Every structure is written in C-alpha cells, then in structure tokens.
N, C-alpha and C. Protein backbone atom coordinates (compact mmCIF):
# COMPACT_ATOMS: atom_id res chain seq x y z
N UNK A 1 119.46 102.87 128.24
CA UNK A 1 117.79 101.63 128.16
C UNK A 1 117.23 102.46 126.80
N UNK A 2 117.45 101.33 126.72
CA UNK A 2 117.34 101.18 125.01
C UNK A 2 116.11 102.07 125.03
N UNK A 3 115.08 102.80 123.88
CA UNK A 3 114.48 103.99 122.95
C UNK A 3 113.14 103.31 123.24
N UNK A 4 113.31 102.49 122.54
CA UNK A 4 111.73 101.69 122.87
C UNK A 4 111.30 100.33 124.65
N UNK A 5 112.36 101.25 125.29
CA UNK A 5 111.08 101.38 126.51
C UNK A 5 110.30 102.06 126.77
N UNK A 6 109.43 100.97 127.66
CA UNK A 6 108.37 101.94 127.84
C UNK A 6 108.47 102.09 129.54
N UNK A 7 107.98 103.17 129.53
CA UNK A 7 108.09 103.37 130.92
C UNK A 7 106.95 103.28 131.63
N UNK A 8 106.60 102.87 132.51
CA UNK A 8 105.31 102.83 133.74
C UNK A 8 105.39 103.54 134.50
N UNK A 9 104.04 104.13 134.88
CA UNK A 9 104.83 105.08 136.72
C UNK A 9 103.32 104.81 137.05
N UNK A 10 103.71 104.21 138.38
CA UNK A 10 102.38 103.94 138.98
C UNK A 10 102.10 105.55 140.04
N UNK A 11 101.70 106.62 140.07
CA UNK A 11 101.50 107.40 141.42
C UNK A 11 100.05 108.92 140.71
N UNK A 12 99.63 108.20 141.87
CA UNK A 12 98.68 108.57 142.04
C UNK A 12 97.96 110.74 142.19
N UNK A 13 99.27 111.39 142.44
CA UNK A 13 99.74 112.28 142.90
C UNK A 13 99.75 113.00 141.68
N UNK A 14 99.15 114.14 140.89
CA UNK A 14 99.11 115.25 140.10
C UNK A 14 100.18 115.23 139.58
N UNK A 15 100.78 116.07 140.75
CA UNK A 15 101.68 116.92 141.27
C UNK A 15 103.13 116.20 141.12
N UNK A 16 103.04 115.03 141.59
CA UNK A 16 104.18 114.40 142.33
C UNK A 16 104.66 113.76 140.55
N UNK A 17 103.30 113.33 139.64
CA UNK A 17 103.72 111.99 138.33
C UNK A 17 103.73 113.73 137.57
N UNK A 18 103.91 114.74 137.46
CA UNK A 18 104.36 116.00 136.76
C UNK A 18 105.41 116.61 137.06
N UNK A 19 106.19 116.93 138.11
CA UNK A 19 107.94 116.61 138.48
C UNK A 19 108.72 115.09 137.63
N UNK A 20 108.18 114.03 138.46
CA UNK A 20 109.01 113.35 137.56
C UNK A 20 108.92 113.11 136.65
N UNK A 21 107.84 112.63 135.39
CA UNK A 21 107.86 113.14 134.42
C UNK A 21 108.42 114.62 133.52
N UNK A 22 108.40 115.81 134.62
CA UNK A 22 108.92 116.39 133.66
C UNK A 22 110.62 116.24 134.07
N UNK A 23 110.86 116.06 135.09
CA UNK A 23 112.49 116.32 135.09
C UNK A 23 113.86 114.54 134.40
N UNK A 24 112.27 113.50 133.97
CA UNK A 24 112.69 112.06 133.26
C UNK A 24 112.87 112.68 132.10
N UNK A 25 112.49 113.56 131.32
CA UNK A 25 112.86 114.06 130.49
C UNK A 25 113.81 115.23 130.21
N UNK A 26 113.56 116.51 131.41
CA UNK A 26 115.40 117.12 131.52
C UNK A 26 116.45 115.68 130.93
N UNK A 27 116.41 115.17 131.88
CA UNK A 27 117.52 113.67 132.26
C UNK A 27 117.37 113.85 130.62
N UNK A 28 117.16 113.63 129.85
CA UNK A 28 117.20 112.98 128.68
C UNK A 28 116.15 111.65 128.34
N UNK A 29 115.69 111.39 128.61
CA UNK A 29 114.74 110.39 128.54
C UNK A 29 113.38 110.52 127.54
N UNK A 30 113.43 110.28 126.93
CA UNK A 30 112.30 110.31 125.54
C UNK A 30 110.96 109.44 125.89
N UNK A 31 111.74 108.21 126.00
CA UNK A 31 111.00 106.78 125.79
C UNK A 31 108.78 107.12 126.06
N UNK A 32 108.53 106.17 125.96
CA UNK A 32 106.68 106.57 125.97
C UNK A 32 106.65 106.22 127.84
N UNK A 33 106.43 107.01 128.38
CA UNK A 33 105.33 107.18 129.45
C UNK A 33 103.93 106.79 130.18
N UNK A 34 103.89 105.54 130.79
CA UNK A 34 102.45 105.76 130.80
C UNK A 34 101.68 105.25 132.26
N UNK A 35 100.97 106.07 131.82
CA UNK A 35 101.00 106.21 134.20
C UNK A 35 99.58 105.74 133.97
N UNK A 36 99.88 105.37 135.69
CA UNK A 36 98.48 104.56 136.46
C UNK A 36 98.34 105.09 137.32
N UNK A 37 97.36 105.36 137.30
CA UNK A 37 96.69 106.25 138.86
C UNK A 37 95.92 105.76 140.68
N UNK A 38 95.89 104.14 140.05
CA UNK A 38 95.34 102.75 141.67
C UNK A 38 96.45 102.57 141.15
N UNK A 39 96.29 100.72 141.59
CA UNK A 39 96.99 100.08 142.07
C UNK A 39 96.98 99.15 140.79
N UNK A 40 95.27 99.14 140.79
CA UNK A 40 93.92 98.29 140.46
C UNK A 40 94.12 98.26 138.63
N UNK A 41 94.54 99.86 138.49
CA UNK A 41 94.90 99.71 137.06
C UNK A 41 96.59 99.11 136.51
N UNK A 42 97.46 99.10 137.77
CA UNK A 42 98.46 99.22 137.00
C UNK A 42 98.59 96.66 137.36
N UNK A 43 97.63 96.21 138.62
CA UNK A 43 97.74 95.04 138.08
C UNK A 43 96.47 94.22 136.77
N UNK A 44 95.60 95.72 135.94
CA UNK A 44 95.49 95.08 135.05
C UNK A 44 95.92 95.34 133.97
N UNK A 45 96.92 95.85 133.47
CA UNK A 45 97.54 96.11 132.76
C UNK A 45 98.46 94.43 132.71
N UNK A 46 98.79 94.42 133.85
CA UNK A 46 99.74 93.45 133.68
C UNK A 46 99.04 91.40 133.45
N UNK A 47 97.95 92.06 133.60
CA UNK A 47 96.99 90.76 133.86
C UNK A 47 96.75 90.64 132.49
N UNK A 48 96.23 92.01 131.63
CA UNK A 48 95.68 91.85 130.20
C UNK A 48 95.93 91.73 129.06
N UNK A 49 95.15 92.22 128.09
CA UNK A 49 96.02 91.75 126.55
C UNK A 49 96.15 93.05 125.96
N UNK A 50 96.03 94.60 126.81
CA UNK A 50 96.68 95.53 125.61
C UNK A 50 98.13 95.85 125.91
N UNK A 51 98.67 94.85 126.81
CA UNK A 51 100.49 95.66 125.92
C UNK A 51 101.00 94.37 125.26
N UNK A 52 101.84 94.48 124.68
CA UNK A 52 102.69 93.27 123.56
C UNK A 52 103.16 92.56 124.37
N UNK A 53 103.32 91.67 123.67
CA UNK A 53 103.27 90.51 124.19
C UNK A 53 105.09 90.63 124.23
N UNK A 54 105.85 91.38 123.79
CA UNK A 54 107.33 90.99 124.20
C UNK A 54 108.19 92.77 123.97
N UNK A 55 107.78 93.34 124.65
CA UNK A 55 108.58 94.54 125.43
C UNK A 55 109.75 94.40 126.71
N UNK A 56 110.33 96.36 126.89
CA UNK A 56 111.15 96.06 127.24
C UNK A 56 110.02 97.09 128.93
N UNK A 57 109.63 97.72 129.96
CA UNK A 57 109.31 97.94 130.86
C UNK A 57 110.41 98.53 131.78
N UNK A 58 110.05 98.95 132.48
CA UNK A 58 110.18 99.87 133.66
C UNK A 58 109.47 100.41 134.24
N UNK A 59 109.40 100.19 135.46
CA UNK A 59 108.07 100.74 136.25
C UNK A 59 108.20 101.43 137.39
N UNK A 60 108.22 102.15 136.94
CA UNK A 60 108.52 103.32 138.71
C UNK A 60 106.67 103.31 139.82
N UNK A 61 106.89 102.49 140.53
CA UNK A 61 106.43 102.78 141.67
C UNK A 61 105.92 103.42 143.12
N UNK A 62 104.28 104.42 142.91
CA UNK A 62 104.36 104.11 144.22
C UNK A 62 103.49 103.37 145.24
N UNK A 63 104.37 103.28 147.39
CA UNK A 63 103.32 101.83 147.84
C UNK A 63 101.94 102.55 147.59
N UNK A 64 102.51 103.62 148.34
CA UNK A 64 100.78 104.03 148.43
C UNK A 64 99.59 104.39 147.63
N UNK A 65 99.50 103.43 146.66
CA UNK A 65 98.03 103.71 145.88
C UNK A 65 97.06 102.93 146.34
N UNK A 66 96.08 103.87 145.83
CA UNK A 66 94.22 103.49 145.78
C UNK A 66 94.69 102.19 145.70
N UNK A 67 93.57 101.91 145.60
CA UNK A 67 92.33 100.51 145.69
C UNK A 67 94.05 98.95 145.86
N UNK A 68 95.04 99.48 144.78
CA UNK A 68 96.13 97.67 145.55
C UNK A 68 96.73 98.60 145.71
N UNK A 69 97.57 97.98 146.69
CA UNK A 69 99.32 98.65 147.06
C UNK A 69 100.60 98.38 146.18
N UNK A 70 100.53 99.23 146.09
CA UNK A 70 102.23 99.11 145.20
C UNK A 70 103.03 98.15 145.46
N UNK A 71 102.52 97.64 146.82
CA UNK A 71 103.11 96.42 147.84
C UNK A 71 103.66 94.80 147.04
N UNK A 72 101.47 95.01 147.06
CA UNK A 72 100.93 93.70 146.28
C UNK A 72 100.59 93.80 144.46
N UNK A 73 101.52 95.18 144.30
CA UNK A 73 101.63 95.16 142.77
C UNK A 73 102.57 94.78 142.36
N UNK A 74 104.15 94.87 143.62
CA UNK A 74 105.35 94.26 143.67
C UNK A 74 105.28 92.53 144.11
N UNK A 75 104.36 91.74 145.08
CA UNK A 75 104.73 91.05 145.27
C UNK A 75 104.34 90.27 143.52
N UNK A 76 103.00 89.96 143.16
CA UNK A 76 102.59 89.65 142.30
C UNK A 76 103.51 90.29 140.63
N UNK A 77 103.91 90.60 140.53
CA UNK A 77 104.78 91.06 139.06
C UNK A 77 105.69 89.85 139.61
N UNK A 78 106.84 89.63 141.21
CA UNK A 78 107.91 89.18 141.27
C UNK A 78 107.12 88.07 141.36
N UNK A 79 105.89 87.06 141.10
CA UNK A 79 105.42 85.73 141.37
C UNK A 79 105.42 85.08 140.09
N UNK A 80 105.59 86.30 139.40
CA UNK A 80 105.35 85.93 137.62
C UNK A 80 106.12 85.40 136.88
N UNK A 81 106.73 83.92 136.30
CA UNK A 81 107.43 83.89 135.61
C UNK A 81 107.66 85.19 134.84
N UNK A 82 107.16 85.94 133.37
CA UNK A 82 107.11 86.54 132.83
C UNK A 82 107.27 87.52 132.93
N UNK A 83 107.03 88.25 134.83
CA UNK A 83 106.93 89.46 134.66
C UNK A 83 108.00 90.04 135.98
N UNK A 84 109.04 88.69 136.58
CA UNK A 84 109.62 89.08 137.15
C UNK A 84 111.46 90.23 136.96
N UNK A 85 110.77 90.06 135.25
CA UNK A 85 112.80 90.88 135.28
C UNK A 85 112.33 92.27 134.39
N UNK A 86 110.47 92.24 135.53
CA UNK A 86 110.79 94.07 135.11
C UNK A 86 111.79 94.87 136.20
N UNK A 87 112.16 96.00 135.55
CA UNK A 87 112.80 96.73 136.45
C UNK A 87 111.86 97.71 137.55
N UNK A 88 112.41 97.79 138.95
CA UNK A 88 110.93 97.56 139.62
C UNK A 88 111.37 99.08 140.44
N UNK A 89 111.37 100.33 140.26
CA UNK A 89 112.10 100.99 141.57
C UNK A 89 111.53 101.42 142.45
N UNK A 90 110.83 101.82 143.50
CA UNK A 90 110.29 101.91 144.25
C UNK A 90 110.25 104.00 144.23
N UNK A 91 109.98 104.51 143.45
CA UNK A 91 109.99 105.40 144.70
C UNK A 91 108.36 106.65 145.59
N UNK A 92 108.88 106.60 146.49
CA UNK A 92 108.18 106.33 147.89
C UNK A 92 107.22 107.56 148.52
N UNK A 93 106.72 107.94 150.06
CA UNK A 93 107.19 108.92 151.18
C UNK A 93 106.74 107.26 151.53
N UNK A 94 106.50 105.71 151.55
CA UNK A 94 106.37 105.01 152.54
C UNK A 94 108.56 104.35 153.44
N UNK A 95 108.70 104.55 154.14
CA UNK A 95 109.89 104.73 154.29
C UNK A 95 110.00 104.06 156.47
N UNK A 96 109.61 102.85 156.01
CA UNK A 96 109.25 102.60 157.49
C UNK A 96 110.88 100.92 156.80
N UNK A 97 111.63 101.00 157.66
CA UNK A 97 112.70 99.69 157.95
C UNK A 97 111.89 98.09 157.19
N UNK A 98 110.67 98.50 157.39
CA UNK A 98 109.33 96.80 157.04
C UNK A 98 109.88 96.96 155.85
N UNK A 99 108.94 98.44 155.07
CA UNK A 99 108.72 98.97 154.23
C UNK A 99 109.91 98.12 153.20
N UNK A 100 110.91 98.66 153.37
CA UNK A 100 112.84 99.32 152.42
C UNK A 100 112.68 97.44 152.78
N UNK A 101 112.97 96.37 153.65
CA UNK A 101 113.49 95.31 153.64
C UNK A 101 112.44 94.63 152.48
N UNK A 102 111.47 94.68 152.67
CA UNK A 102 110.76 94.11 152.07
C UNK A 102 110.89 93.62 150.68
N UNK A 103 110.70 94.70 150.52
CA UNK A 103 110.77 95.76 148.61
C UNK A 103 111.65 94.76 148.41
N UNK A 104 113.08 95.42 148.91
CA UNK A 104 114.66 94.71 148.43
C UNK A 104 114.08 93.17 148.18
N UNK A 105 113.43 92.71 149.91
CA UNK A 105 113.77 90.90 148.88
C UNK A 105 112.70 90.46 148.36
N UNK A 106 111.85 91.27 147.67
CA UNK A 106 110.63 91.08 146.35
C UNK A 106 110.95 91.02 145.09
N UNK A 107 112.67 91.93 145.25
CA UNK A 107 113.49 92.09 144.01
C UNK A 107 113.09 92.97 143.45
N UNK A 108 113.05 94.72 143.42
CA UNK A 108 112.93 95.46 143.79
C UNK A 108 114.24 96.30 143.14
N UNK A 109 114.64 97.02 141.95
CA UNK A 109 116.10 97.41 142.03
C UNK A 109 116.20 98.78 142.86
N UNK A 110 115.32 99.24 142.60
CA UNK A 110 115.48 100.61 143.81
C UNK A 110 115.35 101.36 144.12
N UNK A 111 115.22 101.23 145.47
CA UNK A 111 114.15 101.96 146.42
C UNK A 111 114.69 104.14 147.00
N UNK A 112 113.30 104.31 146.74
CA UNK A 112 113.97 105.85 147.47
C UNK A 112 112.55 106.54 147.66
N UNK A 113 112.88 106.52 148.86
CA UNK A 113 112.26 107.84 149.55
C UNK A 113 111.91 109.37 149.08
N UNK A 114 111.01 109.72 148.75
CA UNK A 114 110.39 110.59 147.82
C UNK A 114 110.99 111.77 148.98
N UNK A 115 111.82 113.07 148.41
CA UNK A 115 112.10 113.78 149.53
C UNK A 115 111.11 114.56 149.60
N UNK A 116 111.00 115.09 150.57
CA UNK A 116 109.34 116.27 150.83
C UNK A 116 110.04 118.52 150.11
N UNK A 117 111.71 118.09 150.26
CA UNK A 117 111.57 119.35 149.74
C UNK A 117 111.62 119.80 147.90
N UNK A 118 111.42 120.50 147.16
CA UNK A 118 110.95 120.56 146.03
C UNK A 118 112.44 120.18 145.33
N UNK A 119 113.13 120.96 145.45
CA UNK A 119 114.86 121.03 144.80
C UNK A 119 115.42 120.16 145.39
N UNK A 120 114.48 119.34 146.34
CA UNK A 120 115.41 117.63 146.21
C UNK A 120 114.50 116.64 145.87
N UNK A 121 114.28 116.52 145.85
CA UNK A 121 112.94 116.21 144.93
C UNK A 121 113.07 115.57 143.37
N UNK A 122 113.05 117.10 143.01
CA UNK A 122 113.62 117.13 141.61
C UNK A 122 115.21 116.73 141.17
N UNK A 123 115.92 116.69 142.18
CA UNK A 123 117.57 116.28 142.53
C UNK A 123 117.29 115.00 142.19
N UNK A 124 116.34 113.86 142.75
CA UNK A 124 116.03 112.68 143.01
C UNK A 124 116.09 112.05 141.65
N UNK A 125 114.58 112.43 141.61
CA UNK A 125 114.29 112.30 139.73
C UNK A 125 115.46 112.50 138.11
N UNK A 126 115.94 113.41 138.70
CA UNK A 126 117.32 113.42 137.60
C UNK A 126 117.85 112.31 138.19
N UNK A 127 118.86 112.23 138.94
CA UNK A 127 119.54 110.68 139.03
C UNK A 127 118.66 110.07 138.57
N UNK A 128 117.75 109.21 139.56
CA UNK A 128 116.50 108.37 138.80
C UNK A 128 117.50 108.25 136.60
N UNK A 129 116.38 109.50 136.35
CA UNK A 129 116.90 109.87 135.24
C UNK A 129 118.67 108.99 134.22
N UNK A 130 119.52 109.73 135.61
CA UNK A 130 120.50 109.73 134.65
C UNK A 130 120.49 107.78 135.29
N UNK A 131 120.68 107.44 135.60
CA UNK A 131 120.84 106.48 135.74
C UNK A 131 119.26 105.12 134.25
N UNK A 132 118.80 105.35 134.54
CA UNK A 132 117.76 105.10 133.49
C UNK A 132 118.66 105.04 131.86
N UNK A 133 119.10 106.10 131.44
CA UNK A 133 119.45 106.40 130.75
C UNK A 133 121.06 105.46 130.60
N UNK A 134 121.77 105.01 131.25
CA UNK A 134 122.75 104.05 131.05
C UNK A 134 123.04 102.72 131.59
N UNK A 135 121.33 102.00 131.75
CA UNK A 135 121.16 100.34 131.87
C UNK A 135 120.29 100.02 130.89
N UNK A 136 120.86 98.81 131.00
CA UNK A 136 120.13 97.52 130.08
C UNK A 136 118.95 96.93 130.61
N UNK A 137 117.41 96.95 129.85
CA UNK A 137 116.59 96.74 130.59
C UNK A 137 116.38 95.06 129.79
N UNK A 138 115.64 94.42 130.29
CA UNK A 138 115.37 92.50 129.96
C UNK A 138 114.55 92.64 129.08
N UNK A 139 114.51 92.75 128.08
CA UNK A 139 112.93 91.51 127.34
C UNK A 139 112.20 91.19 128.10
N UNK A 140 110.73 91.08 128.24
CA UNK A 140 109.82 90.46 128.73
C UNK A 140 108.88 89.80 127.62
N UNK A 141 108.69 88.44 127.59
CA UNK A 141 108.24 87.77 126.61
C UNK A 141 107.05 86.95 126.84
N UNK A 142 105.87 87.15 127.04
CA UNK A 142 105.48 87.00 127.54
C UNK A 142 103.39 86.09 126.13
N UNK A 143 103.78 85.29 126.47
CA UNK A 143 103.06 84.26 125.87
C UNK A 143 101.80 84.74 125.77
N UNK A 144 101.15 83.95 124.60
CA UNK A 144 99.27 84.64 124.44
C UNK A 144 99.10 83.06 125.14
N UNK A 145 99.40 81.82 126.32
CA UNK A 145 98.91 81.15 126.75
C UNK A 145 99.06 81.55 128.29
N UNK A 146 100.79 82.67 128.32
CA UNK A 146 101.01 82.63 130.07
C UNK A 146 99.25 83.78 129.63
N UNK A 147 99.81 84.97 128.92
CA UNK A 147 98.29 85.65 129.68
C UNK A 147 97.26 85.36 129.95
N UNK A 148 96.37 84.56 129.31
CA UNK A 148 94.68 83.77 129.34
C UNK A 148 94.94 83.56 130.82
N UNK A 149 96.54 82.41 131.44
CA UNK A 149 96.15 82.24 131.91
C UNK A 149 96.84 82.88 133.46
N UNK A 150 97.17 84.09 133.05
CA UNK A 150 97.46 84.95 134.79
C UNK A 150 96.01 86.09 134.20
N UNK A 151 95.22 86.31 133.47
CA UNK A 151 93.54 86.88 133.26
C UNK A 151 92.54 85.75 134.26
N UNK A 152 93.13 84.54 134.10
CA UNK A 152 92.38 83.50 135.25
C UNK A 152 93.29 83.29 136.18
N UNK A 153 94.05 83.24 136.06
CA UNK A 153 94.36 83.35 137.71
C UNK A 153 95.00 83.64 138.53
N UNK A 154 95.32 84.87 138.14
CA UNK A 154 96.27 86.08 138.84
C UNK A 154 95.49 86.47 139.68
C-alpha cells in the first residue's frame, strides 16, 4: 500500500481501536490513521470538504456504529461514483449471513468477524496489516463540483 494512503477506521469501541492501531503498526503500516467514532462522522467526512481532492483511502468499517450504521455508510460509498473504488474492509461483530452477503453485494473487499478471544483478535489485525502491506489502492479523484453536489444531495 502506498505510504501516502490514509487509513480510515470507523470504530466506536476505544479498546478495539487501540488494538487495531497497535497491531497495524506492528505489522509495519506507518500510514496516517484517522478515526471516526460514529457513522455520522464518516458520512460527514466523505460529504465534506475537509478531505483532499485526490487521495488513496482504505476504510476499516464496523457495521455497528452509533448514529449511522456501517451498512448505510457502505451503501453511500458504493452508490457514489467518486467513492465506490475505496477499498473497504468490514471488521465487525455482526456475523449474520444477511449482513455478510449484503456487504459483499455492495462491494466490500473483505468481511472479517472480530474474534472474541484477545489473541485471535490480534492475529486477525496482523493479517489485515500484512494484506494492506502488499496491495495497491486505487486513487479517488473528486472534483470540487462533485463534492458540492454530494453536500447538497447526499
């Protein structure tokens, strides 16, 4: 993964976020990390003007977020041409067949159920880190016109 890519982590649980960040760093990822603690913050980020017009993003998305669900975020991203290329990894405790199928239909790259046991959780995050170290992330280009459109029609 390009070292300029920004890792967006939508995770409301402080402990889970700390483990994710710590073990991604241990896996060698030094990319900038931006955390969101609720789904509305994620939508605001993608609708707003605080993000660069061109960038590479990877989104680690919990489905069970306050205010706006991860599923709604995924639906938003994949229905907007300027955001649909964002590599999205669902990392969640939600493990119903319907959730898994819907996320894949929408275009998530990976769906990972958070392990309950500490060591298994750490290992899962290390594997995500190893995966992210070897992939190429598509760049998204968003014109100011598209941003304004999203702000009004999102």
